[in-house]
């Protein structure tokens, strides 16, 4: 779990700045991609507790960009420029995120998650909305959350696949 004294994850300044930039990313960069209305979703930022001391933030945009940032300052970025499957998974996630808007609240508070809760920030031209997925089973009646959870697990899986391909490529290059 997070720090026992504060119930929060320990984070670096780099992580906080990168996460903040992602949550506050301007919608205008996607106007050419899609003519957006006020509540059209152009991005999602998801805080995902991974273990007792690892917090990951996944950032996906409507153009298929997907990056992952770690509370210790580490990151994995740029894979969307090389891997089509990741672009498709990230685009599908963002395109379906609008289904969560009725269950989300507009916010200007971007707290880090407590315990094992996943924070989901939905980025629209009209502002940022927040909802959560609590640790454990997602109730059957929460179909939108269940679908969204499956979609973002798919993006995480694609990111991991890209990491493995990049590592294999680097090993091959090092052997030459």
C-alpha atoms as a PDB file:
ATOM      1  CA  UNK A   1       0.000   0.000   0.000  1.00  0.00           C
ATOM      2  CA  UNK A   2       1.005   3.648  -0.153  1.00  0.00           C
ATOM      3  CA  UNK A   3       2.975   5.410   2.562  1.00  0.00           C
ATOM      4  CA  UNK A   4       1.428   4.305   5.871  1.00  0.00           C
ATOM      5  CA  UNK A   5       1.798   7.730   7.452  1.00  0.00           C
ATOM      6  CA  UNK A   6       0.038   9.689   4.694  1.00  0.00           C
ATOM      7  CA  UNK A   7      -1.960   7.000   2.818  1.00  0.00           C
ATOM      8  CA  UNK A   8      -0.380   8.460  -0.345  1.00  0.00           C
ATOM      9  CA  UNK A   9       2.167   7.202  -2.847  1.00  0.00           C
ATOM     10  CA  UNK A  10       5.633   8.728  -2.788  1.00  0.00           C
ATOM     11  CA  UNK A  11       6.189  10.584  -6.063  1.00  0.00           C
ATOM     12  CA  UNK A  12       8.908  12.583  -7.805  1.00  0.00           C
ATOM     13  CA  UNK A  13       8.600  16.187  -8.951  1.00  0.00           C
ATOM     14  CA  UNK A  14       9.040  15.014 -12.569  1.00  0.00           C
ATOM     15  CA  UNK A  15       6.083  12.638 -12.211  1.00  0.00           C
ATOM     16  CA  UNK A  16       3.828  15.321 -10.721  1.00  0.00           C
ATOM     17  CA  UNK A  17       4.720  17.822 -13.451  1.00  0.00           C
ATOM     18  CA  UNK A  18       4.218  15.318 -16.294  1.00  0.00           C
ATOM     19  CA  UNK A  19       0.907  14.109 -14.844  1.00  0.00           C
ATOM     20  CA  UNK A  20      -0.289  17.694 -14.390  1.00  0.00           C
ATOM     21  CA  UNK A  21       0.644  18.583 -17.970  1.00  0.00           C
ATOM     22  CA  UNK A  22      -1.272  15.548 -19.255  1.00  0.00           C
ATOM     23  CA  UNK A  23      -4.426  16.376 -17.268  1.00  0.00           C
ATOM     24  CA  UNK A  24      -4.309  20.000 -18.436  1.00  0.00           C
ATOM     25  CA  UNK A  25      -3.421  19.256 -22.067  1.00  0.00           C
ATOM     26  CA  UNK A  26      -5.279  21.703 -24.340  1.00  0.00           C
ATOM     27  CA  UNK A  27      -8.063  20.347 -26.541  1.00  0.00           C
ATOM     28  CA  UNK A  28      -7.117  22.630 -29.433  1.00  0.00           C
ATOM     29  CA  UNK A  29      -4.299  20.270 -30.452  1.00  0.00           C
ATOM     30  CA  UNK A  30      -6.961  17.791 -31.557  1.00  0.00           C
ATOM     31  CA  UNK A  31      -9.277  20.181 -33.424  1.00  0.00           C
ATOM     32  CA  UNK A  32      -7.808  19.097 -36.777  1.00  0.00           C
ATOM     33  CA  UNK A  33      -8.141  15.448 -35.794  1.00  0.00           C
ATOM     34  CA  UNK A  34     -11.843  15.691 -35.011  1.00  0.00           C
ATOM     35  CA  UNK A  35     -14.209  18.649 -34.916  1.00  0.00           C
ATOM     36  CA  UNK A  36     -14.966  18.513 -31.230  1.00  0.00           C
ATOM     37  CA  UNK A  37     -18.024  19.652 -29.368  1.00  0.00           C
ATOM     38  CA  UNK A  38     -17.913  20.764 -25.742  1.00  0.00           C
ATOM     39  CA  UNK A  39     -18.308  17.293 -24.176  1.00  0.00           C
ATOM     40  CA  UNK A  40     -16.412  15.243 -26.753  1.00  0.00           C
ATOM     41  CA  UNK A  41     -13.624  13.321 -25.062  1.00  0.00           C
ATOM     42  CA  UNK A  42     -10.132  13.896 -26.451  1.00  0.00           C
ATOM     43  CA  UNK A  43      -8.099  12.172 -23.752  1.00  0.00           C
ATOM     44  CA  UNK A  44      -8.021  10.113 -20.579  1.00  0.00           C
ATOM     45  CA  UNK A  45      -5.542  10.073 -17.725  1.00  0.00           C
ATOM     46  CA  UNK A  46      -5.741   7.038 -15.458  1.00  0.00           C
ATOM     47  CA  UNK A  47      -3.869   6.644 -12.170  1.00  0.00           C
ATOM     48  CA  UNK A  48      -3.273   2.935 -11.615  1.00  0.00           C
ATOM     49  CA  UNK A  49      -1.797   1.641  -8.357  1.00  0.00           C
ATOM     50  CA  UNK A  50       0.419  -1.295  -9.388  1.00  0.00           C
ATOM     51  CA  UNK A  51       1.931  -2.427  -6.093  1.00  0.00           C
ATOM     52  CA  UNK A  52       2.704  -1.271  -2.588  1.00  0.00           C
ATOM     53  CA  UNK A  53       4.988   1.506  -3.798  1.00  0.00           C
ATOM     54  CA  UNK A  54       4.419   1.783  -7.565  1.00  0.00           C
ATOM     55  CA  UNK A  55       1.846   4.162  -8.995  1.00  0.00           C
ATOM     56  CA  UNK A  56       1.459   4.338 -12.770  1.00  0.00           C
ATOM     57  CA  UNK A  57      -0.335   6.987 -14.761  1.00  0.00           C
ATOM     58  CA  UNK A  58      -1.466   6.060 -18.255  1.00  0.00           C
ATOM     59  CA  UNK A  59      -2.227   8.905 -20.644  1.00  0.00           C
ATOM     60  CA  UNK A  60      -4.151   8.274 -23.887  1.00  0.00           C
ATOM     61  CA  UNK A  61      -5.418  10.685 -26.510  1.00  0.00           C
ATOM     62  CA  UNK A  62      -7.969  10.415 -29.329  1.00  0.00           C
ATOM     63  CA  UNK A  63      -5.189  10.346 -31.950  1.00  0.00           C
ATOM     64  CA  UNK A  64      -3.937   7.047 -30.479  1.00  0.00           C
ATOM     65  CA  UNK A  65      -1.023   8.425 -28.483  1.00  0.00           C
ATOM     66  CA  UNK A  66      -0.450   6.403 -25.319  1.00  0.00           C
ATOM     67  CA  UNK A  67       2.238   6.967 -22.696  1.00  0.00           C
ATOM     68  CA  UNK A  68       2.862   5.633 -19.239  1.00  0.00           C
ATOM     69  CA  UNK A  69       4.524   7.422 -16.327  1.00  0.00           C
ATOM     70  CA  UNK A  70       5.732   6.025 -13.008  1.00  0.00           C
ATOM     71  CA  UNK A  71       5.763   7.735  -9.622  1.00  0.00           C
ATOM     72  CA  UNK A  72       9.543   7.187  -9.385  1.00  0.00           C
ATOM     73  CA  UNK A  73      10.074   9.408 -12.449  1.00  0.00           C
ATOM     74  CA  UNK A  74      10.350   6.591 -15.006  1.00  0.00           C
ATOM     75  CA  UNK A  75       8.328   6.609 -18.202  1.00  0.00           C
ATOM     76  CA  UNK A  76       7.615   4.742 -21.403  1.00  0.00           C
ATOM     77  CA  UNK A  77       6.699   7.078 -24.252  1.00  0.00           C
ATOM     78  CA  UNK A  78       6.713   7.248 -28.027  1.00  0.00           C
ATOM     79  CA  UNK A  79       5.552   3.691 -28.740  1.00  0.00           C
ATOM     80  CA  UNK A  80       2.479   4.951 -30.605  1.00  0.00           C
ATOM     81  CA  UNK A  81       4.788   6.208 -33.329  1.00  0.00           C
ATOM     82  CA  UNK A  82       5.943   2.644 -34.021  1.00  0.00           C
ATOM     83  CA  UNK A  83       3.127   0.270 -33.068  1.00  0.00           C
ATOM     84  CA  UNK A  84      -0.250   0.353 -34.804  1.00  0.00           C
ATOM     85  CA  UNK A  85      -1.942  -2.012 -32.306  1.00  0.00           C
ATOM     86  CA  UNK A  86      -1.229   0.427 -29.485  1.00  0.00           C
ATOM     87  CA  UNK A  87      -2.660   3.331 -31.494  1.00  0.00           C
ATOM     88  CA  UNK A  88      -5.859   1.365 -32.153  1.00  0.00           C
ATOM     89  CA  UNK A  89      -6.255   0.313 -28.497  1.00  0.00           C
ATOM     90  CA  UNK A  90      -5.658   3.856 -27.195  1.00  0.00           C
ATOM     91  CA  UNK A  91      -8.036   5.402 -29.744  1.00  0.00           C
ATOM     92  CA  UNK A  92     -10.755   2.857 -28.860  1.00  0.00           C
ATOM     93  CA  UNK A  93     -10.330   3.610 -25.146  1.00  0.00           C
ATOM     94  CA  UNK A  94     -10.677   7.368 -25.623  1.00  0.00           C
ATOM     95  CA  UNK A  95     -13.520   7.022 -28.149  1.00  0.00           C
ATOM     96  CA  UNK A  96     -15.499   4.997 -25.585  1.00  0.00           C
ATOM     97  CA  UNK A  97     -14.674   7.149 -22.541  1.00  0.00           C
ATOM     98  CA  UNK A  98     -17.649   9.419 -23.193  1.00  0.00           C
ATOM     99  CA  UNK A  99     -19.896   6.667 -21.832  1.00  0.00           C
ATOM    100  CA  UNK A 100     -18.448   7.431 -18.383  1.00  0.00           C
ATOM    101  CA  UNK A 101     -19.304  11.146 -18.444  1.00  0.00           C
ATOM    102  CA  UNK A 102     -22.765  10.696 -16.863  1.00  0.00           C
ATOM    103  CA  UNK A 103     -21.089   8.920 -13.919  1.00  0.00           C
ATOM    104  CA  UNK A 104     -18.230  11.424 -13.612  1.00  0.00           C
ATOM    105  CA  UNK A 105     -18.039  14.781 -11.862  1.00  0.00           C
ATOM    106  CA  UNK A 106     -16.467  17.893 -13.317  1.00  0.00           C
ATOM    107  CA  UNK A 107     -13.362  18.712 -11.307  1.00  0.00           C
ATOM    108  CA  UNK A 108     -10.400  20.997 -10.903  1.00  0.00           C
ATOM    109  CA  UNK A 109      -8.897  18.800  -8.166  1.00  0.00           C
ATOM    110  CA  UNK A 110      -6.417  16.193  -9.391  1.00  0.00           C
ATOM    111  CA  UNK A 111      -5.500  14.331  -6.230  1.00  0.00           C
ATOM    112  CA  UNK A 112      -3.428  11.193  -6.421  1.00  0.00           C
ATOM    113  CA  UNK A 113      -5.335   8.014  -5.597  1.00  0.00           C
ATOM    114  CA  UNK A 114      -5.587   6.697  -2.078  1.00  0.00           C
ATOM    115  CA  UNK A 115      -4.976   3.004  -1.432  1.00  0.00           C
ATOM    116  CA  UNK A 116      -5.788   0.823  -4.503  1.00  0.00           C
ATOM    117  CA  UNK A 117      -8.356   3.113  -6.173  1.00  0.00           C
ATOM    118  CA  UNK A 118      -7.897   3.929  -9.882  1.00  0.00           C
ATOM    119  CA  UNK A 119      -8.565   7.605 -10.649  1.00  0.00           C
ATOM    120  CA  UNK A 120      -9.921   8.269 -14.122  1.00  0.00           C
ATOM    121  CA  UNK A 121      -9.730  11.791 -15.509  1.00  0.00           C
ATOM    122  CA  UNK A 122     -11.747  12.337 -18.691  1.00  0.00           C
ATOM    123  CA  UNK A 123     -10.529  15.277 -20.762  1.00  0.00           C
ATOM    124  CA  UNK A 124     -13.112  17.226 -22.774  1.00  0.00           C
ATOM    125  CA  UNK A 125     -13.134  20.626 -24.446  1.00  0.00           C
ATOM    126  CA  UNK A 126     -15.546  21.706 -21.687  1.00  0.00           C
ATOM    127  CA  UNK A 127     -13.298  20.609 -18.817  1.00  0.00           C
ATOM    128  CA  UNK A 128     -11.978  17.642 -16.878  1.00  0.00           C
ATOM    129  CA  UNK A 129     -14.258  15.030 -15.346  1.00  0.00           C
ATOM    130  CA  UNK A 130     -13.294  12.469 -12.720  1.00  0.00           C
ATOM    131  CA  UNK A 131     -14.555   9.057 -11.745  1.00  0.00           C
ATOM    132  CA  UNK A 132     -12.993   6.113  -9.923  1.00  0.00           C
ATOM    133  CA  UNK A 133     -12.726   2.385 -10.023  1.00  0.00           C
ATOM    134  CA  UNK A 134     -12.370   0.979  -6.528  1.00  0.00           C
ATOM    135  CA  UNK A 135     -10.185  -2.056  -5.918  1.00  0.00           C
ATOM    136  CA  UNK A 136     -12.012  -5.359  -6.161  1.00  0.00           C
ATOM    137  CA  UNK A 137     -14.869  -6.480  -8.350  1.00  0.00           C
ATOM    138  CA  UNK A 138     -16.729  -3.922 -10.423  1.00  0.00           C
ATOM    139  CA  UNK A 139     -20.461  -4.454  -9.824  1.00  0.00           C
ATOM    140  CA  UNK A 140     -22.420  -5.968 -12.720  1.00  0.00           C
ATOM    141  CA  UNK A 141     -24.747  -2.972 -12.882  1.00  0.00           C
ATOM    142  CA  UNK A 142     -21.728  -0.715 -13.570  1.00  0.00           C
ATOM    143  CA  UNK A 143     -21.480  -1.866 -17.201  1.00  0.00           C
ATOM    144  CA  UNK A 144     -19.807   1.335 -18.451  1.00  0.00           C
ATOM    145  CA  UNK A 145     -17.042   1.018 -15.846  1.00  0.00           C
ATOM    146  CA  UNK A 146     -16.582  -2.685 -16.611  1.00  0.00           C
ATOM    147  CA  UNK A 147     -16.257  -1.981 -20.337  1.00  0.00           C
ATOM    148  CA  UNK A 148     -13.858   0.902 -19.721  1.00  0.00           C
ATOM    149  CA  UNK A 149     -11.766  -1.270 -17.396  1.00  0.00           C
ATOM    150  CA  UNK A 150     -11.425  -3.954 -20.080  1.00  0.00           C
ATOM    151  CA  UNK A 151     -10.447  -1.334 -22.662  1.00  0.00           C
ATOM    152  CA  UNK A 152      -7.750   0.227 -20.513  1.00  0.00           C
ATOM    153  CA  UNK A 153      -6.382  -3.189 -19.573  1.00  0.00           C
ATOM    154  CA  UNK A 154      -6.049  -3.803 -23.311  1.00  0.00           C
ATOM    155  CA  UNK A 155      -4.034  -0.578 -23.686  1.00  0.00           C
ATOM    156  CA  UNK A 156      -1.802  -1.600 -20.766  1.00  0.00           C
ATOM    157  CA  UNK A 157      -1.278  -4.985 -22.395  1.00  0.00           C
ATOM    158  CA  UNK A 158      -0.348  -3.351 -25.714  1.00  0.00           C
ATOM    159  CA  UNK A 159       2.089  -1.024 -23.934  1.00  0.00           C
ATOM    160  CA  UNK A 160       3.744  -4.020 -22.290  1.00  0.00           C
ATOM    161  CA  UNK A 161       3.950  -5.788 -25.651  1.00  0.00           C
ATOM    162  CA  UNK A 162       5.603  -2.700 -27.163  1.00  0.00           C
ATOM    163  CA  UNK A 163       8.098  -2.567 -24.291  1.00  0.00           C
ATOM    164  CA  UNK A 164       9.035  -6.202 -24.867  1.00  0.00           C
ATOM    165  CA  UNK A 165       9.472  -5.615 -28.617  1.00  0.00           C
ATOM    166  CA  UNK A 166      11.663  -2.569 -27.934  1.00  0.00           C
ATOM    167  CA  UNK A 167      13.780  -4.547 -25.453  1.00  0.00           C
ATOM    168  CA  UNK A 168      14.230  -7.388 -27.963  1.00  0.00           C
ATOM    169  CA  UNK A 169      15.189  -4.870 -30.652  1.00  0.00           C
ATOM    170  CA  UNK A 170      17.742  -3.259 -28.322  1.00  0.00           C
ATOM    171  CA  UNK A 171      19.257  -6.661 -27.453  1.00  0.00           C
ATOM    172  CA  UNK A 172      19.534  -7.523 -31.150  1.00  0.00           C
ATOM    173  CA  UNK A 173      21.193  -4.197 -31.915  1.00  0.00           C
ATOM    174  CA  UNK A 174      23.636  -4.660 -29.006  1.00  0.00           C
ATOM    175  CA  UNK A 175      24.715  -8.066 -30.354  1.00  0.00           C
ATOM    176  CA  UNK A 176      25.811  -6.633 -33.707  1.00  0.00           C
END
